């Protein structure tokens, strides 16, 4: 499946909802740690949810650069593009 940036954003917002008990408005600049009070355990749970939803792997080395919702969506898009270019043609 080909994912557009907007679709990825919408899906990431859906995945973030369980991690947003205070109902913070989720915008691209929303800081996952400061605005949503996510600790490292919650962040790893979110990463697993994202990996499952998009059927991708997110290298742990990329996580220190993921601060905002937009950062996460961007990482997902990069990994989706890598996955798509590595898939065999059927």
PDB file of N, CA and C in Angstrom:
ATOM      1  N   UNK A   1       0.845  -1.191   0.000  1.00  0.00           N
ATOM      2  CA  UNK A   1       0.000   0.000   0.000  1.00  0.00           C
ATOM      3  C   UNK A   1       0.881   1.241   0.000  1.00  0.00           C
ATOM      4  N   UNK A   2       0.493   2.185  -0.805  1.00  0.00           N
ATOM      5  CA  UNK A   2       1.197   3.466  -0.879  1.00  0.00           C
ATOM      6  C   UNK A   2       0.580   4.412   0.152  1.00  0.00           C
ATOM      7  N   UNK A   3       1.405   4.949   1.033  1.00  0.00           N
ATOM      8  CA  UNK A   3       0.919   5.850   2.075  1.00  0.00           C
ATOM      9  C   UNK A   3       1.276   7.284   1.732  1.00  0.00           C
ATOM     10  N   UNK A   4       0.291   8.172   1.800  1.00  0.00           N
ATOM     11  CA  UNK A   4       0.533   9.601   1.644  1.00  0.00           C
ATOM     12  C   UNK A   4       0.849  10.189   3.018  1.00  0.00           C
ATOM     13  N   UNK A   5       1.533  11.303   3.024  1.00  0.00           N
ATOM     14  CA  UNK A   5       1.932  11.939   4.285  1.00  0.00           C
ATOM     15  C   UNK A   5       0.723  12.222   5.175  1.00  0.00           C
ATOM     16  N   UNK A   6      -0.364  12.686   4.588  1.00  0.00           N
ATOM     17  CA  UNK A   6      -1.560  13.005   5.374  1.00  0.00           C
ATOM     18  C   UNK A   6      -2.158  11.744   5.998  1.00  0.00           C
ATOM     19  N   UNK A   7      -2.163  10.649   5.253  1.00  0.00           N
ATOM     20  CA  UNK A   7      -2.679   9.380   5.790  1.00  0.00           C
ATOM     21  C   UNK A   7      -1.834   8.908   6.968  1.00  0.00           C
ATOM     22  N   UNK A   8      -0.534   9.036   6.827  1.00  0.00           N
ATOM     23  CA  UNK A   8       0.367   8.635   7.911  1.00  0.00           C
ATOM     24  C   UNK A   8       0.088   9.483   9.143  1.00  0.00           C
ATOM     25  N   UNK A   9      -0.064  10.788   8.943  1.00  0.00           N
ATOM     26  CA  UNK A   9      -0.345  11.692  10.065  1.00  0.00           C
ATOM     27  C   UNK A   9      -1.640  11.276  10.779  1.00  0.00           C
ATOM     28  N   UNK A  10      -2.673  11.020  10.018  1.00  0.00           N
ATOM     29  CA  UNK A  10      -3.971  10.630  10.598  1.00  0.00           C
ATOM     30  C   UNK A  10      -3.835   9.332  11.395  1.00  0.00           C
ATOM     31  N   UNK A  11      -3.126   8.363  10.851  1.00  0.00           N
ATOM     32  CA  UNK A  11      -2.959   7.085  11.548  1.00  0.00           C
ATOM     33  C   UNK A  11      -2.110   7.237  12.806  1.00  0.00           C
ATOM     34  N   UNK A  12      -1.068   8.067  12.747  1.00  0.00           N
ATOM     35  CA  UNK A  12      -0.229   8.290  13.924  1.00  0.00           C
ATOM     36  C   UNK A  12      -1.048   8.976  15.017  1.00  0.00           C
ATOM     37  N   UNK A  13      -1.895   9.919  14.641  1.00  0.00           N
ATOM     38  CA  UNK A  13      -2.766  10.576  15.629  1.00  0.00           C
ATOM     39  C   UNK A  13      -3.670   9.539  16.289  1.00  0.00           C
ATOM     40  N   UNK A  14      -4.235   8.634  15.506  1.00  0.00           N
ATOM     41  CA  UNK A  14      -5.089   7.586  16.073  1.00  0.00           C
ATOM     42  C   UNK A  14      -4.310   6.721  17.067  1.00  0.00           C
ATOM     43  N   UNK A  15      -3.085   6.387  16.706  1.00  0.00           N
ATOM     44  CA  UNK A  15      -2.262   5.551  17.574  1.00  0.00           C
ATOM     45  C   UNK A  15      -1.853   6.289  18.847  1.00  0.00           C
ATOM     46  N   UNK A  16      -1.785   7.604  18.775  1.00  0.00           N
ATOM     47  CA  UNK A  16      -1.401   8.403  19.944  1.00  0.00           C
ATOM     48  C   UNK A  16      -2.545   8.597  20.932  1.00  0.00           C
ATOM     49  N   UNK A  17      -3.769   8.426  20.509  1.00  0.00           N
ATOM     50  CA  UNK A  17      -4.916   8.690  21.383  1.00  0.00           C
ATOM     51  C   UNK A  17      -4.839   7.980  22.735  1.00  0.00           C
ATOM     52  N   UNK A  18      -4.493   6.684  22.797  1.00  0.00           N
ATOM     53  CA  UNK A  18      -4.410   6.032  24.117  1.00  0.00           C
ATOM     54  C   UNK A  18      -3.308   6.608  25.011  1.00  0.00           C
ATOM     55  N   UNK A  19      -2.360   7.309  24.412  1.00  0.00           N
ATOM     56  CA  UNK A  19      -1.255   7.907  25.164  1.00  0.00           C
ATOM     57  C   UNK A  19      -1.544   9.371  25.504  1.00  0.00           C
ATOM     58  N   UNK A  20      -2.774   9.796  25.268  1.00  0.00           N
ATOM     59  CA  UNK A  20      -3.173  11.194  25.440  1.00  0.00           C
ATOM     60  C   UNK A  20      -4.385  11.297  26.372  1.00  0.00           C
ATOM     61  N   UNK A  21      -4.251  10.862  27.620  1.00  0.00           N
ATOM     62  CA  UNK A  21      -5.412  10.846  28.516  1.00  0.00           C
ATOM     63  C   UNK A  21      -5.938  12.243  28.870  1.00  0.00           C
ATOM     64  N   UNK A  22      -5.114  13.270  28.722  1.00  0.00           N
ATOM     65  CA  UNK A  22      -5.558  14.629  29.044  1.00  0.00           C
ATOM     66  C   UNK A  22      -6.222  15.328  27.864  1.00  0.00           C
ATOM     67  N   UNK A  23      -6.273  14.651  26.735  1.00  0.00           N
ATOM     68  CA  UNK A  23      -6.947  15.214  25.572  1.00  0.00           C
ATOM     69  C   UNK A  23      -6.250  16.403  24.954  1.00  0.00           C
ATOM     70  N   UNK A  24      -4.923  16.419  24.997  1.00  0.00           N
ATOM     71  CA  UNK A  24      -4.151  17.497  24.381  1.00  0.00           C
ATOM     72  C   UNK A  24      -4.431  17.489  22.880  1.00  0.00           C
ATOM     73  N   UNK A  25      -4.602  18.671  22.300  1.00  0.00           N
ATOM     74  CA  UNK A  25      -4.804  18.754  20.853  1.00  0.00           C
ATOM     75  C   UNK A  25      -3.541  18.266  20.161  1.00  0.00           C
ATOM     76  N   UNK A  26      -3.684  17.267  19.303  1.00  0.00           N
ATOM     77  CA  UNK A  26      -2.540  16.679  18.626  1.00  0.00           C
ATOM     78  C   UNK A  26      -2.290  17.396  17.312  1.00  0.00           C
ATOM     79  N   UNK A  27      -1.214  18.156  17.305  1.00  0.00           N
ATOM     80  CA  UNK A  27      -0.799  18.912  16.122  1.00  0.00           C
ATOM     81  C   UNK A  27       0.587  18.427  15.721  1.00  0.00           C
ATOM     82  N   UNK A  28       1.034  18.737  14.522  1.00  0.00           N
ATOM     83  CA  UNK A  28       2.364  18.284  14.105  1.00  0.00           C
ATOM     84  C   UNK A  28       3.472  18.662  15.091  1.00  0.00           C
ATOM     85  N   UNK A  29       3.352  19.810  15.728  1.00  0.00           N
ATOM     86  CA  UNK A  29       4.402  20.270  16.643  1.00  0.00           C
ATOM     87  C   UNK A  29       4.236  19.753  18.070  1.00  0.00           C
ATOM     88  N   UNK A  30       3.208  18.951  18.328  1.00  0.00           N
ATOM     89  CA  UNK A  30       3.008  18.398  19.670  1.00  0.00           C
ATOM     90  C   UNK A  30       4.234  17.608  20.092  1.00  0.00           C
ATOM     91  N   UNK A  31       4.804  17.975  21.241  1.00  0.00           N
ATOM     92  CA  UNK A  31       5.974  17.287  21.782  1.00  0.00           C
ATOM     93  C   UNK A  31       5.507  16.053  22.554  1.00  0.00           C
ATOM     94  N   UNK A  32       5.985  14.903  22.145  1.00  0.00           N
ATOM     95  CA  UNK A  32       5.513  13.652  22.741  1.00  0.00           C
ATOM     96  C   UNK A  32       5.877  13.549  24.213  1.00  0.00           C
ATOM     97  N   UNK A  33       7.031  14.021  24.576  1.00  0.00           N
ATOM     98  CA  UNK A  33       7.478  13.925  25.957  1.00  0.00           C
ATOM     99  C   UNK A  33       6.872  15.019  26.825  1.00  0.00           C
ATOM    100  N   UNK A  34       6.996  16.262  26.391  1.00  0.00           N
ATOM    101  CA  UNK A  34       6.549  17.385  27.216  1.00  0.00           C
ATOM    102  C   UNK A  34       5.041  17.584  27.211  1.00  0.00           C
ATOM    103  N   UNK A  35       4.423  17.502  26.038  1.00  0.00           N
ATOM    104  CA  UNK A  35       2.987  17.762  25.944  1.00  0.00           C
ATOM    105  C   UNK A  35       2.141  16.561  26.367  1.00  0.00           C
ATOM    106  N   UNK A  36       2.623  15.359  26.045  1.00  0.00           N
ATOM    107  CA  UNK A  36       1.861  14.153  26.368  1.00  0.00           C
ATOM    108  C   UNK A  36       2.417  13.424  27.585  1.00  0.00           C
ATOM    109  N   UNK A  37       3.502  13.943  28.134  1.00  0.00           N
ATOM    110  CA  UNK A  37       4.120  13.363  29.332  1.00  0.00           C
ATOM    111  C   UNK A  37       4.473  11.885  29.139  1.00  0.00           C
ATOM    112  N   UNK A  38       4.966  11.554  27.935  1.00  0.00           N
ATOM    113  CA  UNK A  38       5.336  10.172  27.647  1.00  0.00           C
ATOM    114  C   UNK A  38       6.710   9.885  28.227  1.00  0.00           C
ATOM    115  N   UNK A  39       6.812   8.784  28.956  1.00  0.00           N
ATOM    116  CA  UNK A  39       8.115   8.342  29.434  1.00  0.00           C
ATOM    117  C   UNK A  39       8.679   7.331  28.436  1.00  0.00           C
ATOM    118  N   UNK A  40       9.843   6.802  28.731  1.00  0.00           N
ATOM    119  CA  UNK A  40      10.498   5.905  27.781  1.00  0.00           C
ATOM    120  C   UNK A  40       9.711   4.610  27.561  1.00  0.00           C
ATOM    121  N   UNK A  41       9.047   4.126  28.575  1.00  0.00           N
ATOM    122  CA  UNK A  41       8.247   2.901  28.437  1.00  0.00           C
ATOM    123  C   UNK A  41       7.061   3.162  27.504  1.00  0.00           C
ATOM    124  N   UNK A  42       6.378   4.269  27.719  1.00  0.00           N
ATOM    125  CA  UNK A  42       5.244   4.619  26.849  1.00  0.00           C
ATOM    126  C   UNK A  42       5.730   4.844  25.417  1.00  0.00           C
ATOM    127  N   UNK A  43       6.883   5.475  25.275  1.00  0.00           N
ATOM    128  CA  UNK A  43       7.433   5.720  23.939  1.00  0.00           C
ATOM    129  C   UNK A  43       7.717   4.401  23.217  1.00  0.00           C
ATOM    130  N   UNK A  44       8.276   3.435  23.925  1.00  0.00           N
ATOM    131  CA  UNK A  44       8.550   2.139  23.300  1.00  0.00           C
ATOM    132  C   UNK A  44       7.246   1.408  22.954  1.00  0.00           C
ATOM    133  N   UNK A  45       6.244   1.532  23.807  1.00  0.00           N
ATOM    134  CA  UNK A  45       4.930   0.943  23.492  1.00  0.00           C
ATOM    135  C   UNK A  45       4.343   1.581  22.241  1.00  0.00           C
ATOM    136  N   UNK A  46       4.474   2.905  22.132  1.00  0.00           N
ATOM    137  CA  UNK A  46       3.989   3.603  20.946  1.00  0.00           C
ATOM    138  C   UNK A  46       4.734   3.130  19.703  1.00  0.00           C
ATOM    139  N   UNK A  47       6.037   3.011  19.800  1.00  0.00           N
ATOM    140  CA  UNK A  47       6.827   2.553  18.656  1.00  0.00           C
ATOM    141  C   UNK A  47       6.363   1.166  18.213  1.00  0.00           C
ATOM    142  N   UNK A  48       6.105   0.279  19.151  1.00  0.00           N
ATOM    143  CA  UNK A  48       5.617  -1.056  18.792  1.00  0.00           C
ATOM    144  C   UNK A  48       4.259  -0.982  18.096  1.00  0.00           C
ATOM    145  N   UNK A  49       3.391  -0.113  18.594  1.00  0.00           N
ATOM    146  CA  UNK A  49       2.076   0.065  17.956  1.00  0.00           C
ATOM    147  C   UNK A  49       2.243   0.589  16.527  1.00  0.00           C
ATOM    148  N   UNK A  50       3.123   1.550  16.353  1.00  0.00           N
ATOM    149  CA  UNK A  50       3.368   2.129  15.027  1.00  0.00           C
ATOM    150  C   UNK A  50       3.950   1.068  14.091  1.00  0.00           C
ATOM    151  N   UNK A  51       4.921   0.319  14.580  1.00  0.00           N
ATOM    152  CA  UNK A  51       5.524  -0.726  13.750  1.00  0.00           C
ATOM    153  C   UNK A  51       4.486  -1.753  13.320  1.00  0.00           C
ATOM    154  N   UNK A  52       3.622  -2.148  14.235  1.00  0.00           N
ATOM    155  CA  UNK A  52       2.576  -3.118  13.899  1.00  0.00           C
ATOM    156  C   UNK A  52       1.596  -2.545  12.886  1.00  0.00           C
ATOM    157  N   UNK A  53       1.171  -1.312  13.103  1.00  0.00           N
ATOM    158  CA  UNK A  53       0.169  -0.709  12.221  1.00  0.00           C
ATOM    159  C   UNK A  53       0.677  -0.557  10.794  1.00  0.00           C
ATOM    160  N   UNK A  54       1.919  -0.110  10.661  1.00  0.00           N
ATOM    161  CA  UNK A  54       2.462   0.173   9.336  1.00  0.00           C
ATOM    162  C   UNK A  54       3.318  -0.973   8.774  1.00  0.00           C
ATOM    163  N   UNK A  55       3.487  -2.031   9.579  1.00  0.00           N
ATOM    164  CA  UNK A  55       4.297  -3.179   9.172  1.00  0.00           C
ATOM    165  C   UNK A  55       5.698  -2.750   8.756  1.00  0.00           C
ATOM    166  N   UNK A  56       6.338  -1.985   9.648  1.00  0.00           N
ATOM    167  CA  UNK A  56       7.692  -1.491   9.427  1.00  0.00           C
ATOM    168  C   UNK A  56       8.517  -1.752  10.686  1.00  0.00           C
ATOM    169  N   UNK A  57       9.803  -1.564  10.554  1.00  0.00           N
ATOM    170  CA  UNK A  57      10.707  -1.566  11.697  1.00  0.00           C
ATOM    171  C   UNK A  57      11.292  -0.174  11.836  1.00  0.00           C
ATOM    172  N   UNK A  58      11.288   0.333  13.057  1.00  0.00           N
ATOM    173  CA  UNK A  58      11.896   1.633  13.326  1.00  0.00           C
ATOM    174  C   UNK A  58      13.155   1.373  14.150  1.00  0.00           C
ATOM    175  N   UNK A  59      14.320   1.623  13.551  1.00  0.00           N
ATOM    176  CA  UNK A  59      15.562   1.397  14.291  1.00  0.00           C
ATOM    177  C   UNK A  59      15.632   2.263  15.544  1.00  0.00           C
ATOM    178  N   UNK A  60      16.081   1.659  16.618  1.00  0.00           N
ATOM    179  CA  UNK A  60      16.169   2.374  17.889  1.00  0.00           C
ATOM    180  C   UNK A  60      17.093   3.585  17.773  1.00  0.00           C
ATOM    181  N   UNK A  61      18.020   3.545  16.851  1.00  0.00           N
ATOM    182  CA  UNK A  61      18.954   4.661  16.669  1.00  0.00           C
ATOM    183  C   UNK A  61      18.257   5.929  16.176  1.00  0.00           C
ATOM    184  N   UNK A  62      17.055   5.794  15.606  1.00  0.00           N
ATOM    185  CA  UNK A  62      16.313   6.960  15.127  1.00  0.00           C
ATOM    186  C   UNK A  62      15.494   7.634  16.234  1.00  0.00           C
ATOM    187  N   UNK A  63      15.236   6.917  17.299  1.00  0.00           N
ATOM    188  CA  UNK A  63      14.316   7.409  18.331  1.00  0.00           C
ATOM    189  C   UNK A  63      14.765   8.680  19.049  1.00  0.00           C
ATOM    190  N   UNK A  64      16.054   8.889  19.303  1.00  0.00           N
ATOM    191  CA  UNK A  64      16.424  10.144  19.978  1.00  0.00           C
ATOM    192  C   UNK A  64      16.031  11.404  19.198  1.00  0.00           C
ATOM    193  N   UNK A  65      15.862  11.275  17.880  1.00  0.00           N
ATOM    194  CA  UNK A  65      15.490  12.421  17.056  1.00  0.00           C
ATOM    195  C   UNK A  65      13.981  12.602  16.932  1.00  0.00           C
ATOM    196  N   UNK A  66      13.213  11.700  17.527  1.00  0.00           N
ATOM    197  CA  UNK A  66      11.750  11.784  17.450  1.00  0.00           C
ATOM    198  C   UNK A  66      11.240  12.493  18.701  1.00  0.00           C
ATOM    199  N   UNK A  67      10.894  13.762  18.529  1.00  0.00           N
ATOM    200  CA  UNK A  67      10.382  14.559  19.638  1.00  0.00           C
ATOM    201  C   UNK A  67       8.919  14.936  19.462  1.00  0.00           C
ATOM    202  N   UNK A  68       8.528  15.203  18.236  1.00  0.00           N
ATOM    203  CA  UNK A  68       7.171  15.690  17.974  1.00  0.00           C
ATOM    204  C   UNK A  68       6.376  14.674  17.165  1.00  0.00           C
ATOM    205  N   UNK A  69       5.093  14.926  17.087  1.00  0.00           N
ATOM    206  CA  UNK A  69       4.225  14.101  16.257  1.00  0.00           C
ATOM    207  C   UNK A  69       4.733  14.110  14.821  1.00  0.00           C
ATOM    208  N   UNK A  70       5.145  15.271  14.328  1.00  0.00           N
ATOM    209  CA  UNK A  70       5.660  15.362  12.953  1.00  0.00           C
ATOM    210  C   UNK A  70       6.930  14.545  12.781  1.00  0.00           C
ATOM    211  N   UNK A  71       7.817  14.579  13.779  1.00  0.00           N
ATOM    212  CA  UNK A  71       9.037  13.769  13.708  1.00  0.00           C
ATOM    213  C   UNK A  71       8.684  12.293  13.551  1.00  0.00           C
ATOM    214  N   UNK A  72       7.710  11.835  14.329  1.00  0.00           N
ATOM    215  CA  UNK A  72       7.302  10.437  14.265  1.00  0.00           C
ATOM    216  C   UNK A  72       6.702  10.109  12.898  1.00  0.00           C
ATOM    217  N   UNK A  73       5.838  10.962  12.406  1.00  0.00           N
ATOM    218  CA  UNK A  73       5.237  10.742  11.089  1.00  0.00           C
ATOM    219  C   UNK A  73       6.307  10.716  10.000  1.00  0.00           C
ATOM    220  N   UNK A  74       7.308  11.587  10.114  1.00  0.00           N
ATOM    221  CA  UNK A  74       8.392  11.614   9.131  1.00  0.00           C
ATOM    222  C   UNK A  74       9.198  10.321   9.144  1.00  0.00           C
ATOM    223  N   UNK A  75       9.496   9.810  10.341  1.00  0.00           N
ATOM    224  CA  UNK A  75      10.234   8.546  10.456  1.00  0.00           C
ATOM    225  C   UNK A  75       9.416   7.414   9.836  1.00  0.00           C
ATOM    226  N   UNK A  76       8.122   7.405  10.100  1.00  0.00           N
ATOM    227  CA  UNK A  76       7.257   6.374   9.525  1.00  0.00           C
ATOM    228  C   UNK A  76       7.299   6.442   7.998  1.00  0.00           C
ATOM    229  N   UNK A  77       7.198   7.634   7.438  1.00  0.00           N
ATOM    230  CA  UNK A  77       7.234   7.785   5.980  1.00  0.00           C
ATOM    231  C   UNK A  77       8.555   7.294   5.394  1.00  0.00           C
ATOM    232  N   UNK A  78       9.656   7.627   6.036  1.00  0.00           N
ATOM    233  CA  UNK A  78      10.973   7.177   5.560  1.00  0.00           C
ATOM    234  C   UNK A  78      11.036   5.654   5.572  1.00  0.00           C
ATOM    235  N   UNK A  79      10.585   5.045   6.675  1.00  0.00           N
ATOM    236  CA  UNK A  79      10.634   3.593   6.782  1.00  0.00           C
ATOM    237  C   UNK A  79       9.681   2.927   5.783  1.00  0.00           C
ATOM    238  N   UNK A  80       8.530   3.534   5.548  1.00  0.00           N
ATOM    239  CA  UNK A  80       7.604   2.998   4.546  1.00  0.00           C
ATOM    240  C   UNK A  80       8.224   3.051   3.155  1.00  0.00           C
ATOM    241  N   UNK A  81       8.893   4.149   2.840  1.00  0.00           N
ATOM    242  CA  UNK A  81       9.543   4.279   1.530  1.00  0.00           C
ATOM    243  C   UNK A  81      10.662   3.263   1.380  1.00  0.00           C
ATOM    244  N   UNK A  82      11.429   3.036   2.450  1.00  0.00           N
ATOM    245  CA  UNK A  82      12.486   2.025   2.401  1.00  0.00           C
ATOM    246  C   UNK A  82      11.889   0.641   2.177  1.00  0.00           C
ATOM    247  N   UNK A  83      10.803   0.370   2.885  1.00  0.00           N
ATOM    248  CA  UNK A  83      10.140  -0.927   2.758  1.00  0.00           C
ATOM    249  C   UNK A  83       9.643  -1.125   1.327  1.00  0.00           C
ATOM    250  N   UNK A  84       9.046  -0.085   0.775  1.00  0.00           N
ATOM    251  CA  UNK A  84       8.470  -0.180  -0.558  1.00  0.00           C
ATOM    252  C   UNK A  84       9.559  -0.426  -1.612  1.00  0.00           C
ATOM    253  N   UNK A  85      10.696   0.228  -1.457  1.00  0.00           N
ATOM    254  CA  UNK A  85      11.764   0.046  -2.462  1.00  0.00           C
ATOM    255  C   UNK A  85      12.460  -1.288  -2.310  1.00  0.00           C
ATOM    256  N   UNK A  86      12.335  -1.924  -1.142  1.00  0.00           N
ATOM    257  CA  UNK A  86      12.973  -3.219  -0.914  1.00  0.00           C
ATOM    258  C   UNK A  86      12.055  -4.405  -1.185  1.00  0.00           C
ATOM    259  N   UNK A  87      10.777  -4.145  -1.422  1.00  0.00           N
ATOM    260  CA  UNK A  87       9.844  -5.233  -1.665  1.00  0.00           C
ATOM    261  C   UNK A  87      10.050  -5.791  -3.072  1.00  0.00           C
ATOM    262  N   UNK A  88      10.013  -7.104  -3.211  1.00  0.00           N
ATOM    263  CA  UNK A  88      10.155  -7.690  -4.548  1.00  0.00           C
ATOM    264  C   UNK A  88       8.930  -7.379  -5.414  1.00  0.00           C
ATOM    265  N   UNK A  89       9.166  -7.233  -6.678  1.00  0.00           N
ATOM    266  CA  UNK A  89       8.074  -6.981  -7.622  1.00  0.00           C
ATOM    267  C   UNK A  89       7.344  -8.292  -7.863  1.00  0.00           C
ATOM    268  N   UNK A  90       6.028  -8.235  -7.802  1.00  0.00           N
ATOM    269  CA  UNK A  90       5.223  -9.455  -7.957  1.00  0.00           C
ATOM    270  C   UNK A  90       4.607  -9.499  -9.324  1.00  0.00           C
TER     271      UNK A  90
END
